[in-house]
Amino acid sequence: MDAVVIQPGVETAESSVSAVSWPAVAAGAVASCALTLVLLAFGIGLGLSVMSPWSGSGVSATTFKIGTGLYLVVIAMLSSSIGGYIAGRSAVIIGIEFNVQGRRNALKTHVLPHGAGAQRC
């Protein structure tokens, strides 16, 4: 194992290149929001198809609530994962290792929609 020795009085140079590729982060956030909207529209159609205005037919209210909650959790996880993947794969900055850069962009993609004040785009 090699030891790193830093001499006092010698300044280390910092890179002038940003460690975050903001266009890649924006692309991941847009993809995440678009996938969320598509899956929500699909879920609305699915939910309306299982409900019935007549008593005794269709699913119960408890089953509907549990199914809706699980579906929304799956939507959030899936869209955030896809958005983070797109942000991580589209980040190309020379001089920074891909894995580190991709993780930073993926994290920013998960934070960007929530940091802008939106609950879920």
PDB file of N, CA and C in Angstrom:
ATOM      1  N   MET A   1       0.843  -1.163   0.000  1.00  0.00           N
ATOM      2  CA  MET A   1       0.000   0.000   0.000  1.00  0.00           C
ATOM      3  C   MET A   1       0.894   1.233   0.000  1.00  0.00           C
ATOM      4  N   ASP A   2       0.619   2.170  -0.882  1.00  0.00           N
ATOM      5  CA  ASP A   2       1.425   3.375  -0.994  1.00  0.00           C
ATOM      6  C   ASP A   2       0.857   4.475  -0.108  1.00  0.00           C
ATOM      7  N   ALA A   3       1.754   5.218   0.504  1.00  0.00           N
ATOM      8  CA  ALA A   3       1.346   6.334   1.339  1.00  0.00           C
ATOM      9  C   ALA A   3       1.470   7.629   0.544  1.00  0.00           C
ATOM     10  N   VAL A   4       0.514   8.509   0.734  1.00  0.00           N
ATOM     11  CA  VAL A   4       0.536   9.806   0.072  1.00  0.00           C
ATOM     12  C   VAL A   4       1.111  10.822   1.048  1.00  0.00           C
ATOM     13  N   VAL A   5       2.154  11.496   0.609  1.00  0.00           N
ATOM     14  CA  VAL A   5       2.814  12.481   1.459  1.00  0.00           C
ATOM     15  C   VAL A   5       2.610  13.858   0.831  1.00  0.00           C
ATOM     16  N   ILE A   6       2.077  14.762   1.616  1.00  0.00           N
ATOM     17  CA  ILE A   6       1.898  16.140   1.150  1.00  0.00           C
ATOM     18  C   ILE A   6       2.844  17.014   1.944  1.00  0.00           C
ATOM     19  N   GLN A   7       3.695  17.720   1.215  1.00  0.00           N
ATOM     20  CA  GLN A   7       4.668  18.579   1.874  1.00  0.00           C
ATOM     21  C   GLN A   7       4.008  19.890   2.276  1.00  0.00           C
ATOM     22  N   PRO A   8       4.326  20.382   3.458  1.00  0.00           N
ATOM     23  CA  PRO A   8       3.771  21.659   3.880  1.00  0.00           C
ATOM     24  C   PRO A   8       4.287  22.790   2.981  1.00  0.00           C
ATOM     25  N   GLY A   9       3.426  23.703   2.685  1.00  0.00           N
ATOM     26  CA  GLY A   9       3.807  24.839   1.861  1.00  0.00           C
ATOM     27  C   GLY A   9       3.602  24.607   0.374  1.00  0.00           C
ATOM     28  N   VAL A  10       3.315  23.375  -0.026  1.00  0.00           N
ATOM     29  CA  VAL A  10       3.070  23.072  -1.434  1.00  0.00           C
ATOM     30  C   VAL A  10       1.557  22.993  -1.640  1.00  0.00           C
ATOM     31  N   GLU A  11       1.063  23.860  -2.490  1.00  0.00           N
ATOM     32  CA  GLU A  11      -0.383  23.882  -2.726  1.00  0.00           C
ATOM     33  C   GLU A  11      -0.739  22.878  -3.820  1.00  0.00           C
ATOM     34  N   THR A  12      -1.833  22.211  -3.602  1.00  0.00           N
ATOM     35  CA  THR A  12      -2.314  21.277  -4.613  1.00  0.00           C
ATOM     36  C   THR A  12      -3.233  22.025  -5.569  1.00  0.00           C
ATOM     37  N   ALA A  13      -3.104  21.748  -6.833  1.00  0.00           N
ATOM     38  CA  ALA A  13      -3.916  22.430  -7.840  1.00  0.00           C
ATOM     39  C   ALA A  13      -5.273  21.754  -7.954  1.00  0.00           C
ATOM     40  N   GLU A  14      -6.330  22.572  -7.962  1.00  0.00           N
ATOM     41  CA  GLU A  14      -7.675  22.045  -8.137  1.00  0.00           C
ATOM     42  C   GLU A  14      -8.045  22.124  -9.601  1.00  0.00           C
ATOM     43  N   SER A  15      -8.872  21.226 -10.012  1.00  0.00           N
ATOM     44  CA  SER A  15      -9.312  21.193 -11.402  1.00  0.00           C
ATOM     45  C   SER A  15     -10.257  22.358 -11.676  1.00  0.00           C
ATOM     46  N   SER A  16     -10.123  22.945 -12.839  1.00  0.00           N
ATOM     47  CA  SER A  16     -11.019  24.042 -13.212  1.00  0.00           C
ATOM     48  C   SER A  16     -12.292  23.530 -13.863  1.00  0.00           C
ATOM     49  N   VAL A  17     -12.376  22.212 -14.057  1.00  0.00           N
ATOM     50  CA  VAL A  17     -13.545  21.603 -14.669  1.00  0.00           C
ATOM     51  C   VAL A  17     -14.543  21.254 -13.574  1.00  0.00           C
ATOM     52  N   SER A  18     -15.807  21.568 -13.790  1.00  0.00           N
ATOM     53  CA  SER A  18     -16.852  21.251 -12.824  1.00  0.00           C
ATOM     54  C   SER A  18     -17.001  19.747 -12.682  1.00  0.00           C
ATOM     55  N   ALA A  19     -17.288  19.308 -11.475  1.00  0.00           N
ATOM     56  CA  ALA A  19     -17.444  17.883 -11.232  1.00  0.00           C
ATOM     57  C   ALA A  19     -18.847  17.396 -11.554  1.00  0.00           C
ATOM     58  N   VAL A  20     -19.749  18.294 -11.916  1.00  0.00           N
ATOM     59  CA  VAL A  20     -21.123  17.922 -12.226  1.00  0.00           C
ATOM     60  C   VAL A  20     -21.453  18.399 -13.630  1.00  0.00           C
ATOM     61  N   SER A  21     -22.023  17.523 -14.423  1.00  0.00           N
ATOM     62  CA  SER A  21     -22.468  17.875 -15.760  1.00  0.00           C
ATOM     63  C   SER A  21     -23.950  18.239 -15.682  1.00  0.00           C
ATOM     64  N   TRP A  22     -24.245  19.533 -15.598  1.00  0.00           N
ATOM     65  CA  TRP A  22     -25.621  19.980 -15.408  1.00  0.00           C
ATOM     66  C   TRP A  22     -26.538  19.641 -16.575  1.00  0.00           C
ATOM     67  N   PRO A  23     -26.079  19.673 -17.816  1.00  0.00           N
ATOM     68  CA  PRO A  23     -26.980  19.214 -18.892  1.00  0.00           C
ATOM     69  C   PRO A  23     -27.391  17.754 -18.729  1.00  0.00           C
ATOM     70  N   ALA A  24     -26.469  16.919 -18.264  1.00  0.00           N
ATOM     71  CA  ALA A  24     -26.807  15.520 -18.021  1.00  0.00           C
ATOM     72  C   ALA A  24     -27.795  15.384 -16.872  1.00  0.00           C
ATOM     73  N   VAL A  25     -27.634  16.193 -15.842  1.00  0.00           N
ATOM     74  CA  VAL A  25     -28.560  16.179 -14.716  1.00  0.00           C
ATOM     75  C   VAL A  25     -29.947  16.621 -15.172  1.00  0.00           C
ATOM     76  N   ALA A  26     -30.005  17.675 -15.980  1.00  0.00           N
ATOM     77  CA  ALA A  26     -31.294  18.159 -16.485  1.00  0.00           C
ATOM     78  C   ALA A  26     -31.952  17.104 -17.377  1.00  0.00           C
ATOM     79  N   ALA A  27     -31.172  16.425 -18.197  1.00  0.00           N
ATOM     80  CA  ALA A  27     -31.734  15.374 -19.052  1.00  0.00           C
ATOM     81  C   ALA A  27     -32.306  14.235 -18.209  1.00  0.00           C
ATOM     82  N   GLY A  28     -31.610  13.860 -17.168  1.00  0.00           N
ATOM     83  CA  GLY A  28     -32.125  12.814 -16.280  1.00  0.00           C
ATOM     84  C   GLY A  28     -33.384  13.241 -15.552  1.00  0.00           C
ATOM     85  N   ALA A  29     -33.436  14.499 -15.113  1.00  0.00           N
ATOM     86  CA  ALA A  29     -34.626  14.999 -14.418  1.00  0.00           C
ATOM     87  C   ALA A  29     -35.830  15.068 -15.358  1.00  0.00           C
ATOM     88  N   VAL A  30     -35.604  15.506 -16.588  1.00  0.00           N
ATOM     89  CA  VAL A  30     -36.698  15.565 -17.563  1.00  0.00           C
ATOM     90  C   VAL A  30     -37.194  14.156 -17.892  1.00  0.00           C
ATOM     91  N   ALA A  31     -36.280  13.223 -18.065  1.00  0.00           N
ATOM     92  CA  ALA A  31     -36.674  11.840 -18.342  1.00  0.00           C
ATOM     93  C   ALA A  31     -37.446  11.250 -17.163  1.00  0.00           C
ATOM     94  N   SER A  32     -37.017  11.564 -15.951  1.00  0.00           N
ATOM     95  CA  SER A  32     -37.705  11.077 -14.765  1.00  0.00           C
ATOM     96  C   SER A  32     -39.122  11.637 -14.683  1.00  0.00           C
ATOM     97  N   CYS A  33     -39.275  12.930 -14.946  1.00  0.00           N
ATOM     98  CA  CYS A  33     -40.611  13.543 -14.915  1.00  0.00           C
ATOM     99  C   CYS A  33     -41.506  12.991 -16.015  1.00  0.00           C
ATOM    100  N   ALA A  34     -40.955  12.805 -17.201  1.00  0.00           N
ATOM    101  CA  ALA A  34     -41.748  12.277 -18.312  1.00  0.00           C
ATOM    102  C   ALA A  34     -42.216  10.853 -18.017  1.00  0.00           C
ATOM    103  N   LEU A  35     -41.327  10.023 -17.489  1.00  0.00           N
ATOM    104  CA  LEU A  35     -41.712   8.658 -17.155  1.00  0.00           C
ATOM    105  C   LEU A  35     -42.752   8.643 -16.039  1.00  0.00           C
ATOM    106  N   THR A  36     -42.627   9.548 -15.074  1.00  0.00           N
ATOM    107  CA  THR A  36     -43.617   9.641 -14.008  1.00  0.00           C
ATOM    108  C   THR A  36     -44.987   9.965 -14.571  1.00  0.00           C
ATOM    109  N   LEU A  37     -45.054  10.925 -15.479  1.00  0.00           N
ATOM    110  CA  LEU A  37     -46.343  11.307 -16.058  1.00  0.00           C
ATOM    111  C   LEU A  37     -46.958  10.176 -16.879  1.00  0.00           C
ATOM    112  N   VAL A  38     -46.157   9.468 -17.637  1.00  0.00           N
ATOM    113  CA  VAL A  38     -46.664   8.347 -18.435  1.00  0.00           C
ATOM    114  C   VAL A  38     -47.191   7.237 -17.527  1.00  0.00           C
ATOM    115  N   LEU A  39     -46.433   6.897 -16.497  1.00  0.00           N
ATOM    116  CA  LEU A  39     -46.868   5.837 -15.595  1.00  0.00           C
ATOM    117  C   LEU A  39     -48.073   6.253 -14.756  1.00  0.00           C
ATOM    118  N   LEU A  40     -48.177   7.540 -14.408  1.00  0.00           N
ATOM    119  CA  LEU A  40     -49.364   8.015 -13.700  1.00  0.00           C
ATOM    120  C   LEU A  40     -50.605   7.927 -14.585  1.00  0.00           C
ATOM    121  N   ALA A  41     -50.475   8.294 -15.854  1.00  0.00           N
ATOM    122  CA  ALA A  41     -51.607   8.182 -16.772  1.00  0.00           C
ATOM    123  C   ALA A  41     -52.040   6.719 -16.917  1.00  0.00           C
ATOM    124  N   PHE A  42     -51.068   5.815 -17.007  1.00  0.00           N
ATOM    125  CA  PHE A  42     -51.378   4.388 -17.073  1.00  0.00           C
ATOM    126  C   PHE A  42     -52.074   3.930 -15.793  1.00  0.00           C
ATOM    127  N   GLY A  43     -51.602   4.390 -14.647  1.00  0.00           N
ATOM    128  CA  GLY A  43     -52.207   4.021 -13.365  1.00  0.00           C
ATOM    129  C   GLY A  43     -53.615   4.556 -13.208  1.00  0.00           C
ATOM    130  N   ILE A  44     -53.865   5.763 -13.725  1.00  0.00           N
ATOM    131  CA  ILE A  44     -55.218   6.312 -13.666  1.00  0.00           C
ATOM    132  C   ILE A  44     -56.169   5.449 -14.488  1.00  0.00           C
ATOM    133  N   GLY A  45     -55.736   5.067 -15.664  1.00  0.00           N
ATOM    134  CA  GLY A  45     -56.559   4.192 -16.494  1.00  0.00           C
ATOM    135  C   GLY A  45     -56.807   2.851 -15.833  1.00  0.00           C
ATOM    136  N   LEU A  46     -55.786   2.304 -15.222  1.00  0.00           N
ATOM    137  CA  LEU A  46     -55.922   1.036 -14.521  1.00  0.00           C
ATOM    138  C   LEU A  46     -56.871   1.171 -13.330  1.00  0.00           C
ATOM    139  N   GLY A  47     -56.738   2.245 -12.580  1.00  0.00           N
ATOM    140  CA  GLY A  47     -57.596   2.466 -11.416  1.00  0.00           C
ATOM    141  C   GLY A  47     -59.047   2.683 -11.791  1.00  0.00           C
ATOM    142  N   LEU A  48     -59.273   3.426 -12.864  1.00  0.00           N
ATOM    143  CA  LEU A  48     -60.651   3.646 -13.298  1.00  0.00           C
ATOM    144  C   LEU A  48     -61.293   2.380 -13.845  1.00  0.00           C
ATOM    145  N   SER A  49     -60.474   1.478 -14.370  1.00  0.00           N
ATOM    146  CA  SER A  49     -61.033   0.241 -14.924  1.00  0.00           C
ATOM    147  C   SER A  49     -61.423  -0.759 -13.839  1.00  0.00           C
ATOM    148  N   VAL A  50     -60.824  -0.693 -12.662  1.00  0.00           N
ATOM    149  CA  VAL A  50     -61.163  -1.652 -11.608  1.00  0.00           C
ATOM    150  C   VAL A  50     -62.246  -1.137 -10.676  1.00  0.00           C
ATOM    151  N   MET A  51     -62.569   0.138 -10.725  1.00  0.00           N
ATOM    152  CA  MET A  51     -63.609   0.708  -9.869  1.00  0.00           C
ATOM    153  C   MET A  51     -64.970   0.559 -10.540  1.00  0.00           C
ATOM    154  N   SER A  52     -65.990   0.472  -9.721  1.00  0.00           N
ATOM    155  CA  SER A  52     -67.348   0.353 -10.229  1.00  0.00           C
ATOM    156  C   SER A  52     -68.270   1.219  -9.366  1.00  0.00           C
ATOM    157  N   PRO A  53     -69.225   1.917  -9.983  1.00  0.00           N
ATOM    158  CA  PRO A  53     -70.146   2.738  -9.188  1.00  0.00           C
ATOM    159  C   PRO A  53     -71.197   1.909  -8.453  1.00  0.00           C
ATOM    160  N   TRP A  54     -71.368   0.638  -8.796  1.00  0.00           N
ATOM    161  CA  TRP A  54     -72.360  -0.213  -8.164  1.00  0.00           C
ATOM    162  C   TRP A  54     -71.737  -0.974  -7.009  1.00  0.00           C
ATOM    163  N   SER A  55     -72.499  -1.138  -5.944  1.00  0.00           N
ATOM    164  CA  SER A  55     -71.971  -1.849  -4.780  1.00  0.00           C
ATOM    165  C   SER A  55     -71.885  -3.343  -5.086  1.00  0.00           C
ATOM    166  N   GLY A  56     -70.899  -3.973  -4.520  1.00  0.00           N
ATOM    167  CA  GLY A  56     -70.720  -5.402  -4.693  1.00  0.00           C
ATOM    168  C   GLY A  56     -69.904  -5.784  -5.911  1.00  0.00           C
ATOM    169  N   SER A  57     -69.558  -4.843  -6.768  1.00  0.00           N
ATOM    170  CA  SER A  57     -68.727  -5.165  -7.934  1.00  0.00           C
ATOM    171  C   SER A  57     -67.496  -4.268  -7.918  1.00  0.00           C
ATOM    172  N   GLY A  58     -66.435  -4.747  -8.501  1.00  0.00           N
ATOM    173  CA  GLY A  58     -65.172  -4.012  -8.465  1.00  0.00           C
ATOM    174  C   GLY A  58     -64.406  -4.351  -7.198  1.00  0.00           C
ATOM    175  N   VAL A  59     -63.308  -3.673  -6.963  1.00  0.00           N
ATOM    176  CA  VAL A  59     -62.483  -3.948  -5.782  1.00  0.00           C
ATOM    177  C   VAL A  59     -62.968  -3.117  -4.606  1.00  0.00           C
ATOM    178  N   SER A  60     -62.624  -3.559  -3.402  1.00  0.00           N
ATOM    179  CA  SER A  60     -63.009  -2.808  -2.209  1.00  0.00           C
ATOM    180  C   SER A  60     -62.132  -1.569  -2.066  1.00  0.00           C
ATOM    181  N   ALA A  61     -62.581  -0.649  -1.218  1.00  0.00           N
ATOM    182  CA  ALA A  61     -61.833   0.597  -1.009  1.00  0.00           C
ATOM    183  C   ALA A  61     -60.474   0.326  -0.373  1.00  0.00           C
ATOM    184  N   THR A  62     -60.407  -0.625   0.534  1.00  0.00           N
ATOM    185  CA  THR A  62     -59.134  -0.957   1.185  1.00  0.00           C
ATOM    186  C   THR A  62     -58.137  -1.515   0.179  1.00  0.00           C
ATOM    187  N   THR A  63     -58.602  -2.416  -0.662  1.00  0.00           N
ATOM    188  CA  THR A  63     -57.729  -2.985  -1.690  1.00  0.00           C
ATOM    189  C   THR A  63     -57.251  -1.900  -2.646  1.00  0.00           C
ATOM    190  N   PHE A  64     -58.142  -1.001  -2.986  1.00  0.00           N
ATOM    191  CA  PHE A  64     -57.793   0.094  -3.900  1.00  0.00           C
ATOM    192  C   PHE A  64     -56.743   1.015  -3.281  1.00  0.00           C
ATOM    193  N   LYS A  65     -56.903   1.349  -1.997  1.00  0.00           N
ATOM    194  CA  LYS A  65     -55.934   2.223  -1.319  1.00  0.00           C
ATOM    195  C   LYS A  65     -54.553   1.578  -1.240  1.00  0.00           C
ATOM    196  N   ILE A  66     -54.516   0.319  -0.880  1.00  0.00           N
ATOM    197  CA  ILE A  66     -53.228  -0.379  -0.772  1.00  0.00           C
ATOM    198  C   ILE A  66     -52.566  -0.487  -2.142  1.00  0.00           C
ATOM    199  N   GLY A  67     -53.346  -0.855  -3.149  1.00  0.00           N
ATOM    200  CA  GLY A  67     -52.808  -0.963  -4.506  1.00  0.00           C
ATOM    201  C   GLY A  67     -52.297   0.359  -5.042  1.00  0.00           C
ATOM    202  N   THR A  68     -53.044   1.433  -4.753  1.00  0.00           N
ATOM    203  CA  THR A  68     -52.621   2.760  -5.199  1.00  0.00           C
ATOM    204  C   THR A  68     -51.326   3.182  -4.527  1.00  0.00           C
ATOM    205  N   GLY A  69     -51.237   2.956  -3.224  1.00  0.00           N
ATOM    206  CA  GLY A  69     -50.012   3.311  -2.503  1.00  0.00           C
ATOM    207  C   GLY A  69     -48.797   2.561  -3.005  1.00  0.00           C
ATOM    208  N   LEU A  70     -48.955   1.267  -3.199  1.00  0.00           N
ATOM    209  CA  LEU A  70     -47.840   0.473  -3.726  1.00  0.00           C
ATOM    210  C   LEU A  70     -47.460   0.909  -5.131  1.00  0.00           C
ATOM    211  N   TYR A  71     -48.450   1.198  -5.962  1.00  0.00           N
ATOM    212  CA  TYR A  71     -48.170   1.627  -7.333  1.00  0.00           C
ATOM    213  C   TYR A  71     -47.419   2.959  -7.348  1.00  0.00           C
ATOM    214  N   LEU A  72     -47.801   3.896  -6.477  1.00  0.00           N
ATOM    215  CA  LEU A  72     -47.112   5.186  -6.436  1.00  0.00           C
ATOM    216  C   LEU A  72     -45.670   5.049  -5.951  1.00  0.00           C
ATOM    217  N   VAL A  73     -45.441   4.148  -5.000  1.00  0.00           N
ATOM    218  CA  VAL A  73     -44.072   3.909  -4.536  1.00  0.00           C
ATOM    219  C   VAL A  73     -43.231   3.316  -5.659  1.00  0.00           C
ATOM    220  N   VAL A  74     -43.800   2.359  -6.397  1.00  0.00           N
ATOM    221  CA  VAL A  74     -43.071   1.742  -7.508  1.00  0.00           C
ATOM    222  C   VAL A  74     -42.790   2.773  -8.602  1.00  0.00           C
ATOM    223  N   ILE A  75     -43.749   3.646  -8.885  1.00  0.00           N
ATOM    224  CA  ILE A  75     -43.542   4.704  -9.888  1.00  0.00           C
ATOM    225  C   ILE A  75     -42.375   5.605  -9.474  1.00  0.00           C
ATOM    226  N   ALA A  76     -42.372   6.039  -8.217  1.00  0.00           N
ATOM    227  CA  ALA A  76     -41.309   6.931  -7.742  1.00  0.00           C
ATOM    228  C   ALA A  76     -39.944   6.269  -7.838  1.00  0.00           C
ATOM    229  N   MET A  77     -39.861   5.008  -7.427  1.00  0.00           N
ATOM    230  CA  MET A  77     -38.581   4.303  -7.475  1.00  0.00           C
ATOM    231  C   MET A  77     -38.124   4.080  -8.913  1.00  0.00           C
ATOM    232  N   LEU A  78     -39.036   3.665  -9.764  1.00  0.00           N
ATOM    233  CA  LEU A  78     -38.680   3.365 -11.146  1.00  0.00           C
ATOM    234  C   LEU A  78     -38.268   4.624 -11.907  1.00  0.00           C
ATOM    235  N   SER A  79     -39.038   5.683 -11.784  1.00  0.00           N
ATOM    236  CA  SER A  79     -38.703   6.897 -12.538  1.00  0.00           C
ATOM    237  C   SER A  79     -37.422   7.556 -12.025  1.00  0.00           C
ATOM    238  N   SER A  80     -37.209   7.532 -10.710  1.00  0.00           N
ATOM    239  CA  SER A  80     -35.962   8.086 -10.177  1.00  0.00           C
ATOM    240  C   SER A  80     -34.757   7.256 -10.611  1.00  0.00           C
ATOM    241  N   SER A  81     -34.919   5.957 -10.648  1.00  0.00           N
ATOM    242  CA  SER A  81     -33.815   5.090 -11.074  1.00  0.00           C
ATOM    243  C   SER A  81     -33.474   5.307 -12.547  1.00  0.00           C
ATOM    244  N   ILE A  82     -34.485   5.381 -13.387  1.00  0.00           N
ATOM    245  CA  ILE A  82     -34.248   5.596 -14.811  1.00  0.00           C
ATOM    246  C   ILE A  82     -33.641   6.983 -15.049  1.00  0.00           C
ATOM    247  N   GLY A  83     -34.147   7.999 -14.364  1.00  0.00           N
ATOM    248  CA  GLY A  83     -33.581   9.344 -14.502  1.00  0.00           C
ATOM    249  C   GLY A  83     -32.138   9.416 -14.042  1.00  0.00           C
ATOM    250  N   GLY A  84     -31.830   8.752 -12.923  1.00  0.00           N
ATOM    251  CA  GLY A  84     -30.455   8.705 -12.444  1.00  0.00           C
ATOM    252  C   GLY A  84     -29.541   7.951 -13.378  1.00  0.00           C
ATOM    253  N   TYR A  85     -30.050   6.873 -13.956  1.00  0.00           N
ATOM    254  CA  TYR A  85     -29.256   6.097 -14.915  1.00  0.00           C
ATOM    255  C   TYR A  85     -28.943   6.944 -16.145  1.00  0.00           C
ATOM    256  N   ILE A  86     -29.935   7.655 -16.660  1.00  0.00           N
ATOM    257  CA  ILE A  86     -29.714   8.499 -17.841  1.00  0.00           C
ATOM    258  C   ILE A  86     -28.714   9.604 -17.528  1.00  0.00           C
ATOM    259  N   ALA A  87     -28.834  10.220 -16.352  1.00  0.00           N
ATOM    260  CA  ALA A  87     -27.886  11.273 -15.978  1.00  0.00           C
ATOM    261  C   ALA A  87     -26.478  10.721 -15.809  1.00  0.00           C
ATOM    262  N   GLY A  88     -26.363   9.557 -15.219  1.00  0.00           N
ATOM    263  CA  GLY A  88     -25.044   8.962 -15.002  1.00  0.00           C
ATOM    264  C   GLY A  88     -24.374   8.525 -16.290  1.00  0.00           C
ATOM    265  N   ARG A  89     -25.150   7.987 -17.223  1.00  0.00           N
ATOM    266  CA  ARG A  89     -24.573   7.506 -18.479  1.00  0.00           C
ATOM    267  C   ARG A  89     -24.279   8.629 -19.460  1.00  0.00           C
ATOM    268  N   SER A  90     -24.987   9.755 -19.353  1.00  0.00           N
ATOM    269  CA  SER A  90     -24.767  10.830 -20.320  1.00  0.00           C
ATOM    270  C   SER A  90     -23.726  11.840 -19.846  1.00  0.00           C
ATOM    271  N   ALA A  91     -23.109  11.602 -18.711  1.00  0.00           N
ATOM    272  CA  ALA A  91     -22.093  12.513 -18.203  1.00  0.00           C
ATOM    273  C   ALA A  91     -20.726  12.115 -18.734  1.00  0.00           C
ATOM    274  N   VAL A  92     -20.126  13.003 -19.486  1.00  0.00           N
ATOM    275  CA  VAL A  92     -18.788  12.741 -20.002  1.00  0.00           C
ATOM    276  C   VAL A  92     -17.953  13.994 -19.756  1.00  0.00           C
ATOM    277  N   ILE A  93     -17.053  13.904 -18.789  1.00  0.00           N
ATOM    278  CA  ILE A  93     -16.128  15.005 -18.510  1.00  0.00           C
ATOM    279  C   ILE A  93     -14.736  14.413 -18.492  1.00  0.00           C
ATOM    280  N   ILE A  94     -13.869  14.995 -19.255  1.00  0.00           N
ATOM    281  CA  ILE A  94     -12.504  14.485 -19.358  1.00  0.00           C
ATOM    282  C   ILE A  94     -11.764  14.750 -18.055  1.00  0.00           C
ATOM    283  N   GLY A  95     -11.065  13.756 -17.569  1.00  0.00           N
ATOM    284  CA  GLY A  95     -10.241  13.920 -16.384  1.00  0.00           C
ATOM    285  C   GLY A  95     -10.897  13.436 -15.109  1.00  0.00           C
ATOM    286  N   ILE A  96     -12.170  13.070 -15.138  1.00  0.00           N
ATOM    287  CA  ILE A  96     -12.846  12.566 -13.951  1.00  0.00           C
ATOM    288  C   ILE A  96     -13.282  11.142 -14.237  1.00  0.00           C
ATOM    289  N   GLU A  97     -13.057  10.267 -13.291  1.00  0.00           N
ATOM    290  CA  GLU A  97     -13.432   8.875 -13.474  1.00  0.00           C
ATOM    291  C   GLU A  97     -14.937   8.769 -13.677  1.00  0.00           C
ATOM    292  N   PHE A  98     -15.351   7.907 -14.601  1.00  0.00           N
ATOM    293  CA  PHE A  98     -16.760   7.813 -14.970  1.00  0.00           C
ATOM    294  C   PHE A  98     -17.653   7.443 -13.796  1.00  0.00           C
ATOM    295  N   ASN A  99     -17.223   6.482 -12.976  1.00  0.00           N
ATOM    296  CA  ASN A  99     -18.084   6.036 -11.884  1.00  0.00           C
ATOM    297  C   ASN A  99     -18.388   7.162 -10.908  1.00  0.00           C
ATOM    298  N   VAL A 100     -17.389   7.957 -10.566  1.00  0.00           N
ATOM    299  CA  VAL A 100     -17.590   9.069  -9.645  1.00  0.00           C
ATOM    300  C   VAL A 100     -18.497  10.112 -10.280  1.00  0.00           C
ATOM    301  N   GLN A 101     -18.233  10.458 -11.526  1.00  0.00           N
ATOM    302  CA  GLN A 101     -19.036  11.457 -12.219  1.00  0.00           C
ATOM    303  C   GLN A 101     -20.481  10.991 -12.366  1.00  0.00           C
ATOM    304  N   GLY A 102     -20.686   9.754 -12.736  1.00  0.00           N
ATOM    305  CA  GLY A 102     -22.035   9.238 -12.913  1.00  0.00           C
ATOM    306  C   GLY A 102     -22.823   9.236 -11.619  1.00  0.00           C
ATOM    307  N   ARG A 103     -22.169   8.891 -10.519  1.00  0.00           N
ATOM    308  CA  ARG A 103     -22.862   8.888  -9.228  1.00  0.00           C
ATOM    309  C   ARG A 103     -23.258  10.298  -8.807  1.00  0.00           C
ATOM    310  N   ARG A 104     -22.388  11.250  -9.047  1.00  0.00           N
ATOM    311  CA  ARG A 104     -22.726  12.634  -8.698  1.00  0.00           C
ATOM    312  C   ARG A 104     -23.916  13.131  -9.505  1.00  0.00           C
ATOM    313  N   ASN A 105     -23.905  12.854 -10.796  1.00  0.00           N
ATOM    314  CA  ASN A 105     -25.014  13.301 -11.629  1.00  0.00           C
ATOM    315  C   ASN A 105     -26.307  12.588 -11.260  1.00  0.00           C
ATOM    316  N   ALA A 106     -26.223  11.310 -10.960  1.00  0.00           N
ATOM    317  CA  ALA A 106     -27.424  10.571 -10.580  1.00  0.00           C
ATOM    318  C   ALA A 106     -28.007  11.134  -9.286  1.00  0.00           C
ATOM    319  N   LEU A 107     -27.159  11.474  -8.329  1.00  0.00           N
ATOM    320  CA  LEU A 107     -27.634  12.060  -7.081  1.00  0.00           C
ATOM    321  C   LEU A 107     -28.293  13.406  -7.335  1.00  0.00           C
ATOM    322  N   LYS A 108     -27.688  14.225  -8.158  1.00  0.00           N
ATOM    323  CA  LYS A 108     -28.279  15.525  -8.477  1.00  0.00           C
ATOM    324  C   LYS A 108     -29.622  15.359  -9.179  1.00  0.00           C
ATOM    325  N   THR A 109     -29.766  14.318  -9.994  1.00  0.00           N
ATOM    326  CA  THR A 109     -31.027  14.084 -10.690  1.00  0.00           C
ATOM    327  C   THR A 109     -32.128  13.737  -9.705  1.00  0.00           C
ATOM    328  N   HIS A 110     -31.800  12.988  -8.657  1.00  0.00           N
ATOM    329  CA  HIS A 110     -32.808  12.651  -7.661  1.00  0.00           C
ATOM    330  C   HIS A 110     -33.194  13.868  -6.835  1.00  0.00           C
ATOM    331  N   VAL A 111     -32.271  14.780  -6.621  1.00  0.00           N
ATOM    332  CA  VAL A 111     -32.513  15.941  -5.772  1.00  0.00           C
ATOM    333  C   VAL A 111     -33.146  17.094  -6.547  1.00  0.00           C
ATOM    334  N   LEU A 112     -32.861  17.224  -7.823  1.00  0.00           N
ATOM    335  CA  LEU A 112     -33.286  18.386  -8.601  1.00  0.00           C
ATOM    336  C   LEU A 112     -34.795  18.621  -8.594  1.00  0.00           C
ATOM    337  N   PRO A 113     -35.653  17.649  -8.884  1.00  0.00           N
ATOM    338  CA  PRO A 113     -37.084  17.944  -8.872  1.00  0.00           C
ATOM    339  C   PRO A 113     -37.598  18.330  -7.489  1.00  0.00           C
ATOM    340  N   HIS A 114     -37.050  17.723  -6.432  1.00  0.00           N
ATOM    341  CA  HIS A 114     -37.503  18.037  -5.085  1.00  0.00           C
ATOM    342  C   HIS A 114     -36.949  19.373  -4.608  1.00  0.00           C
ATOM    343  N   GLY A 115     -35.744  19.697  -5.029  1.00  0.00           N
ATOM    344  CA  GLY A 115     -35.144  20.965  -4.638  1.00  0.00           C
ATOM    345  C   GLY A 115     -35.831  22.159  -5.293  1.00  0.00           C
ATOM    346  N   ALA A 116     -36.474  21.938  -6.412  1.00  0.00           N
ATOM    347  CA  ALA A 116     -37.185  23.012  -7.104  1.00  0.00           C
ATOM    348  C   ALA A 116     -38.543  23.273  -6.498  1.00  0.00           C
ATOM    349  N   GLY A 117     -38.918  22.522  -5.476  1.00  0.00           N
ATOM    350  CA  GLY A 117     -40.189  22.756  -4.797  1.00  0.00           C
ATOM    351  C   GLY A 117     -41.298  21.844  -5.262  1.00  0.00           C
ATOM    352  N   ALA A 118     -41.025  20.967  -6.205  1.00  0.00           N
ATOM    353  CA  ALA A 118     -42.050  20.059  -6.710  1.00  0.00           C
ATOM    354  C   ALA A 118     -42.036  18.778  -5.883  1.00  0.00           C
ATOM    355  N   GLN A 119     -43.186  18.273  -5.561  1.00  0.00           N
ATOM    356  CA  GLN A 119     -43.251  17.002  -4.842  1.00  0.00           C
ATOM    357  C   GLN A 119     -42.816  15.878  -5.756  1.00  0.00           C
ATOM    358  N   ARG A 120     -43.368  15.787  -6.917  1.00  0.00           N
ATOM    359  CA  ARG A 120     -42.968  14.795  -7.911  1.00  0.00           C
ATOM    360  C   ARG A 120     -43.267  15.387  -9.273  1.00  0.00           C
ATOM    361  N   CYS A 121     -42.417  16.280  -9.732  1.00  0.00           N
ATOM    362  CA  CYS A 121     -42.516  16.963 -11.024  1.00  0.00           C
ATOM    363  C   CYS A 121     -43.916  17.465 -11.200  1.00  0.00           C
TER     364      CYS A 121
END
